[in-house]
Amino acid sequence: MALLNSCDLEVTFTKGSEHVQAVRGVSFEVAEGESYGIVGESGSGKSTVLRAICGLAPVTGGSIRVDGQQLVGARRPDFYRKVQMVFQDPYASLHPRHTVDRVLSEPLAIHGFADRETRVEQALEDVGLGQGFRFRYPHQLSGGQRQRVAIARALILEPRILLLDEPTSALDASIQAEVLNLLDRIRSERGLTYVLVSHDLSVVAHMCERLMVMQHGQAVEEMTRESLQARNAAQDYTRKLLTASLGYRAAQEEQAS
């Protein structure tokens, strides 16, 4: 049985008489310990799928199941012990007036953990930040350091699933590889399940065993990492994404060949 399952998922946003169908009939399964990618252009609905899983976007049709249990309505506290999300912008996702210590301690207090001191120290070590970062504020950290804090916050409750929404797109290229390697190592050590949203196919090829391509709120096709690396796409839209990922000059050479 899949750890995470989406069946004919629909997400519609309503404002007055206007309706925007952001996700239309999307189905996929993610096995325990797997890293699954969702790719597509801006506006394709890929991030909305993650937000629907977390209860941050309205599920207006279909179903989402975690560990066999259907998610209905507001997410209960025990959901967040199983599922955590890392957002795209590490500065916006951290409270500017809260120290790193408070950022990491609050989830522990909410969920009734007794050994908070030890867990905060260990969480910082796990993401490659020493104790010297514990009482700093977000504005005193680099972008990469802020994202490491966001990852530590997501991990501190020991979830089984991490939802990663473009976790490196706001970072400098030199820092992106460090954060991706950190996420890769943590998944290997803890046996975590990832769902990674990205517009960058090279990131998905590095991180994910399988991926789903989305366009206009719909799933276009599903591929394995091997198919992606071999550029073996079945749909025209996916082939265009692959060509675009090559860069301008390489795309010109491919079109000329």
Protein backbone atom coordinates (compact mmCIF):
# COMPACT_ATOMS: atom_id res chain seq x y z
CA MET A 1 0.00 0.00 0.00
CA ALA A 2 1.25 3.48 -0.88
CA LEU A 3 2.16 5.78 2.00
CA LEU A 4 0.70 8.78 0.14
CA ASN A 5 -2.11 8.51 -2.39
CA SER A 6 -3.93 11.15 -4.45
CA CYS A 7 -6.98 9.97 -6.41
CA ASP A 8 -8.68 12.28 -8.95
CA LEU A 9 -7.70 15.32 -6.86
CA GLU A 10 -9.57 18.53 -7.65
CA VAL A 11 -8.76 21.98 -6.25
CA THR A 12 -11.00 24.93 -7.16
CA PHE A 13 -10.54 28.44 -5.78
CA THR A 14 -13.67 30.59 -5.58
CA LYS A 15 -13.91 34.34 -5.20
CA GLY A 16 -17.41 35.72 -5.60
CA SER A 17 -18.73 34.40 -8.89
CA GLU A 18 -15.27 33.52 -10.20
CA HIS A 19 -13.96 29.95 -10.10
CA VAL A 20 -10.41 28.88 -10.89
CA GLN A 21 -9.80 25.14 -11.23
CA ALA A 22 -6.14 24.88 -10.23
CA VAL A 23 -5.91 21.08 -10.07
CA ARG A 24 -8.03 18.79 -12.23
CA GLY A 25 -8.25 15.05 -11.65
CA VAL A 26 -4.67 14.42 -10.52
CA SER A 27 -3.81 10.90 -9.30
CA PHE A 28 -0.48 9.51 -8.07
CA GLU A 29 0.96 7.20 -5.43
CA VAL A 30 4.17 7.49 -3.44
CA ALA A 31 5.66 4.45 -1.71
CA GLU A 32 7.27 4.66 1.72
CA GLY A 33 10.90 5.73 1.41
CA GLU A 34 10.46 6.98 -2.17
CA SER A 35 11.30 10.43 -3.49
CA TYR A 36 8.65 11.55 -5.98
CA GLY A 37 8.88 14.67 -8.15
CA ILE A 38 6.18 16.95 -9.55
CA VAL A 39 7.32 19.23 -12.37
CA GLY A 40 5.76 21.78 -14.66
CA GLU A 41 5.76 25.45 -15.60
CA SER A 42 4.57 28.22 -13.27
CA GLY A 43 0.81 27.97 -12.89
CA SER A 44 0.69 24.26 -13.71
CA GLY A 45 -0.78 23.46 -10.28
CA LYS A 46 2.19 21.55 -8.88
CA SER A 47 2.59 23.60 -5.68
CA THR A 48 -1.19 23.59 -5.18
CA VAL A 49 -1.06 19.79 -4.95
CA LEU A 50 1.32 20.07 -1.97
CA ARG A 51 -0.81 22.75 -0.36
CA ALA A 52 -3.90 20.56 -0.75
CA ILE A 53 -2.13 17.70 1.02
CA CYS A 54 -1.31 20.04 3.93
CA GLY A 55 -4.83 21.47 4.09
CA LEU A 56 -3.72 24.89 2.81
CA ALA A 57 -5.77 24.62 -0.41
CA PRO A 58 -9.40 23.45 -0.70
CA VAL A 59 -9.92 19.87 -1.88
CA THR A 60 -13.11 20.15 -3.96
CA GLY A 61 -13.05 16.67 -5.46
CA GLY A 62 -11.27 13.34 -5.27
CA SER A 63 -9.30 12.22 -2.23
CA ILE A 64 -5.93 12.27 -0.52
CA ARG A 65 -4.82 9.42 1.76
CA VAL A 66 -1.82 9.21 4.07
CA ASP A 67 -1.00 5.75 5.40
CA GLY A 68 -4.39 4.54 4.20
CA GLN A 69 -6.41 7.22 6.03
CA GLN A 70 -8.36 9.76 3.96
CA LEU A 71 -7.68 13.40 4.81
CA VAL A 72 -10.92 15.31 5.35
CA GLY A 73 -11.35 18.90 6.55
CA ALA A 74 -8.83 20.70 8.73
CA ARG A 75 -5.69 18.70 9.46
CA ARG A 76 -5.48 17.26 12.95
CA PRO A 77 -2.32 17.69 15.08
CA ASP A 78 -1.30 14.06 14.52
CA PHE A 79 -1.16 14.78 10.76
CA TYR A 80 1.77 17.14 11.34
CA ARG A 81 3.63 14.42 13.21
CA LYS A 82 3.56 12.44 9.95
CA VAL A 83 3.77 15.17 7.31
CA GLN A 84 5.80 18.38 7.21
CA MET A 85 6.40 20.92 4.46
CA VAL A 86 9.43 23.02 3.48
CA PHE A 87 8.45 26.14 1.58
CA GLN A 88 10.19 27.91 -1.29
CA ASP A 89 11.16 31.15 0.44
CA PRO A 90 13.13 30.45 3.63
CA TYR A 91 12.90 34.07 4.77
CA ALA A 92 9.12 34.37 4.43
CA SER A 93 8.56 31.03 6.19
CA LEU A 94 10.50 32.08 9.33
CA HIS A 95 9.11 34.65 11.78
CA PRO A 96 11.48 37.66 11.59
CA ARG A 97 11.25 38.34 15.36
CA HIS A 98 11.76 34.74 16.48
CA THR A 99 15.20 33.30 17.18
CA VAL A 100 16.21 29.97 15.66
CA ASP A 101 15.77 28.47 19.13
CA ARG A 102 12.14 29.62 19.29
CA VAL A 103 11.45 28.50 15.71
CA LEU A 104 12.58 24.98 16.60
CA SER A 105 11.16 24.87 20.14
CA GLU A 106 7.58 25.89 19.31
CA PRO A 107 6.59 22.72 17.41
CA LEU A 108 8.01 20.64 20.26
CA ALA A 109 5.97 22.59 22.83
CA ILE A 110 2.78 22.31 20.75
CA HIS A 111 3.15 18.54 20.45
CA GLY A 112 4.18 18.00 24.07
CA PHE A 113 7.80 16.86 23.71
CA ALA A 114 9.67 16.89 27.03
CA ASP A 115 13.29 16.74 25.81
CA ARG A 116 13.19 20.01 23.89
CA GLU A 117 16.74 21.14 24.68
CA THR A 118 18.30 17.96 23.35
CA ARG A 119 16.08 17.89 20.28
CA VAL A 120 16.87 21.50 19.31
CA GLU A 121 20.60 20.88 19.65
CA GLN A 122 20.40 17.67 17.62
CA ALA A 123 18.24 19.28 14.91
CA LEU A 124 20.84 22.00 14.36
CA GLU A 125 23.62 19.42 14.15
CA ASP A 126 21.59 17.32 11.70
CA VAL A 127 21.36 20.18 9.19
CA GLY A 128 24.98 21.28 9.55
CA LEU A 129 24.48 24.30 11.81
CA GLY A 130 26.32 24.54 15.12
CA GLN A 131 25.01 25.78 18.45
CA GLY A 132 26.27 29.26 17.58
CA PHE A 133 23.23 29.69 15.33
CA ARG A 134 20.70 28.86 18.03
CA PHE A 135 19.94 32.39 19.24
CA ARG A 136 20.29 34.21 15.94
CA TYR A 137 17.41 35.86 14.09
CA PRO A 138 16.53 35.11 10.43
CA HIS A 139 18.01 38.43 9.21
CA GLN A 140 21.38 37.32 10.66
CA LEU A 141 21.45 34.21 8.47
CA SER A 142 22.24 33.66 4.80
CA GLY A 143 19.60 32.21 2.49
CA GLY A 144 21.13 28.76 2.69
CA GLN A 145 21.30 28.92 6.49
CA ARG A 146 17.65 30.01 6.70
CA GLN A 147 16.61 27.08 4.53
CA ARG A 148 18.60 24.70 6.77
CA VAL A 149 16.65 26.08 9.75
CA ALA A 150 13.39 25.52 7.85
CA ILE A 151 14.46 21.92 7.15
CA ALA A 152 15.41 21.44 10.82
CA ARG A 153 11.97 22.73 11.86
CA ALA A 154 10.29 20.27 9.50
CA LEU A 155 12.40 17.35 10.78
CA ILE A 156 12.20 18.06 14.49
CA LEU A 157 8.85 16.26 14.92
CA GLU A 158 10.28 13.18 13.16
CA PRO A 159 7.74 13.05 10.32
CA ARG A 160 7.55 10.25 7.76
CA ILE A 161 6.83 12.51 4.78
CA LEU A 162 8.48 15.78 3.71
CA LEU A 163 6.73 17.96 1.13
CA LEU A 164 9.36 20.13 -0.58
CA ASP A 165 8.08 23.12 -2.54
CA GLU A 166 10.95 24.39 -4.73
CA PRO A 167 13.31 24.13 -1.71
CA THR A 168 16.36 25.55 -3.50
CA SER A 169 14.94 27.90 -6.14
CA ALA A 170 15.39 30.99 -3.91
CA LEU A 171 19.05 30.13 -3.23
CA ASP A 172 22.25 30.96 -5.09
CA ALA A 173 23.43 28.22 -7.44
CA SER A 174 26.49 27.59 -5.27
CA ILE A 175 24.27 26.85 -2.25
CA GLN A 176 21.61 24.79 -4.04
CA ALA A 177 23.77 21.67 -4.34
CA GLU A 178 24.65 21.81 -0.61
CA VAL A 179 20.97 21.89 0.40
CA LEU A 180 20.00 19.15 -2.08
CA ASN A 181 22.83 16.91 -0.84
CA LEU A 182 21.70 17.58 2.74
CA LEU A 183 18.13 16.52 1.87
CA ASP A 184 19.42 13.45 0.06
CA ARG A 185 21.52 12.40 3.05
CA ILE A 186 18.70 12.93 5.54
CA ARG A 187 16.29 10.83 3.47
CA SER A 188 18.83 8.02 3.25
CA GLU A 189 19.58 8.09 6.99
CA ARG A 190 15.96 8.31 8.16
CA GLY A 191 14.10 6.43 5.44
CA LEU A 192 11.90 9.45 4.75
CA THR A 193 9.41 9.84 1.92
CA TYR A 194 9.72 13.00 -0.20
CA VAL A 195 7.38 14.75 -2.59
CA LEU A 196 9.46 17.40 -4.36
CA VAL A 197 7.96 20.16 -6.49
CA SER A 198 10.35 21.86 -8.91
CA HIS A 199 10.52 23.53 -12.31
CA ASP A 200 14.16 22.40 -12.56
CA LEU A 201 14.39 18.97 -14.20
CA SER A 202 18.03 18.54 -13.19
CA VAL A 203 17.02 18.86 -9.51
CA VAL A 204 14.28 16.27 -9.98
CA ALA A 205 16.64 13.91 -11.84
CA HIS A 206 19.09 14.17 -8.93
CA MET A 207 16.55 13.74 -6.14
CA CYS A 208 13.64 11.60 -7.38
CA GLU A 209 13.09 8.02 -8.54
CA ARG A 210 9.82 8.91 -10.32
CA LEU A 211 8.08 12.10 -11.38
CA MET A 212 4.79 13.45 -12.65
CA VAL A 213 4.61 16.20 -15.27
CA MET A 214 1.77 18.73 -14.88
CA GLN A 215 0.26 21.26 -17.28
CA HIS A 216 -2.80 23.49 -16.72
CA GLY A 217 -3.70 21.65 -13.53
CA GLN A 218 -3.60 18.19 -15.06
CA ALA A 219 -1.14 15.30 -15.00
CA VAL A 220 0.41 14.96 -18.46
CA GLU A 221 2.55 11.87 -17.88
CA GLU A 222 4.52 9.96 -15.28
CA MET A 223 8.18 9.05 -15.81
CA THR A 224 11.00 7.24 -14.08
CA ARG A 225 14.35 8.89 -13.39
CA GLU A 226 15.89 6.66 -16.08
CA SER A 227 13.34 7.82 -18.67
CA LEU A 228 13.98 11.44 -17.73
CA GLN A 229 17.75 11.07 -18.01
CA ALA A 230 17.37 9.29 -21.36
CA ARG A 231 14.97 12.08 -22.49
CA ASN A 232 12.43 9.37 -23.29
CA ALA A 233 9.18 11.36 -23.02
CA ALA A 234 5.84 10.25 -24.44
CA GLN A 235 4.13 13.66 -24.59
CA ASP A 236 5.02 16.76 -26.63
CA TYR A 237 4.70 19.04 -23.59
CA THR A 238 7.25 16.98 -21.66
CA ARG A 239 9.63 17.01 -24.62
CA LYS A 240 9.36 20.81 -24.72
CA LEU A 241 10.15 20.99 -21.01
CA LEU A 242 13.19 18.78 -21.54
CA THR A 243 14.37 20.96 -24.42
CA ALA A 244 13.86 24.13 -22.39
CA SER A 245 15.90 22.64 -19.54
CA LEU A 246 18.90 22.30 -21.84
CA GLY A 247 19.31 26.05 -22.09
CA TYR A 248 19.07 28.34 -25.12
CA ARG A 249 22.22 27.30 -27.01
CA ALA A 250 21.81 23.57 -26.41
CA ALA A 251 18.16 23.78 -27.46
CA GLN A 252 19.17 25.46 -30.73
CA GLU A 253 21.69 22.69 -31.40
CA GLU A 254 19.08 20.01 -30.69
CA GLN A 255 16.54 21.64 -33.02
CA ALA A 256 19.17 21.91 -35.77
CA SER A 257 20.22 18.25 -35.48
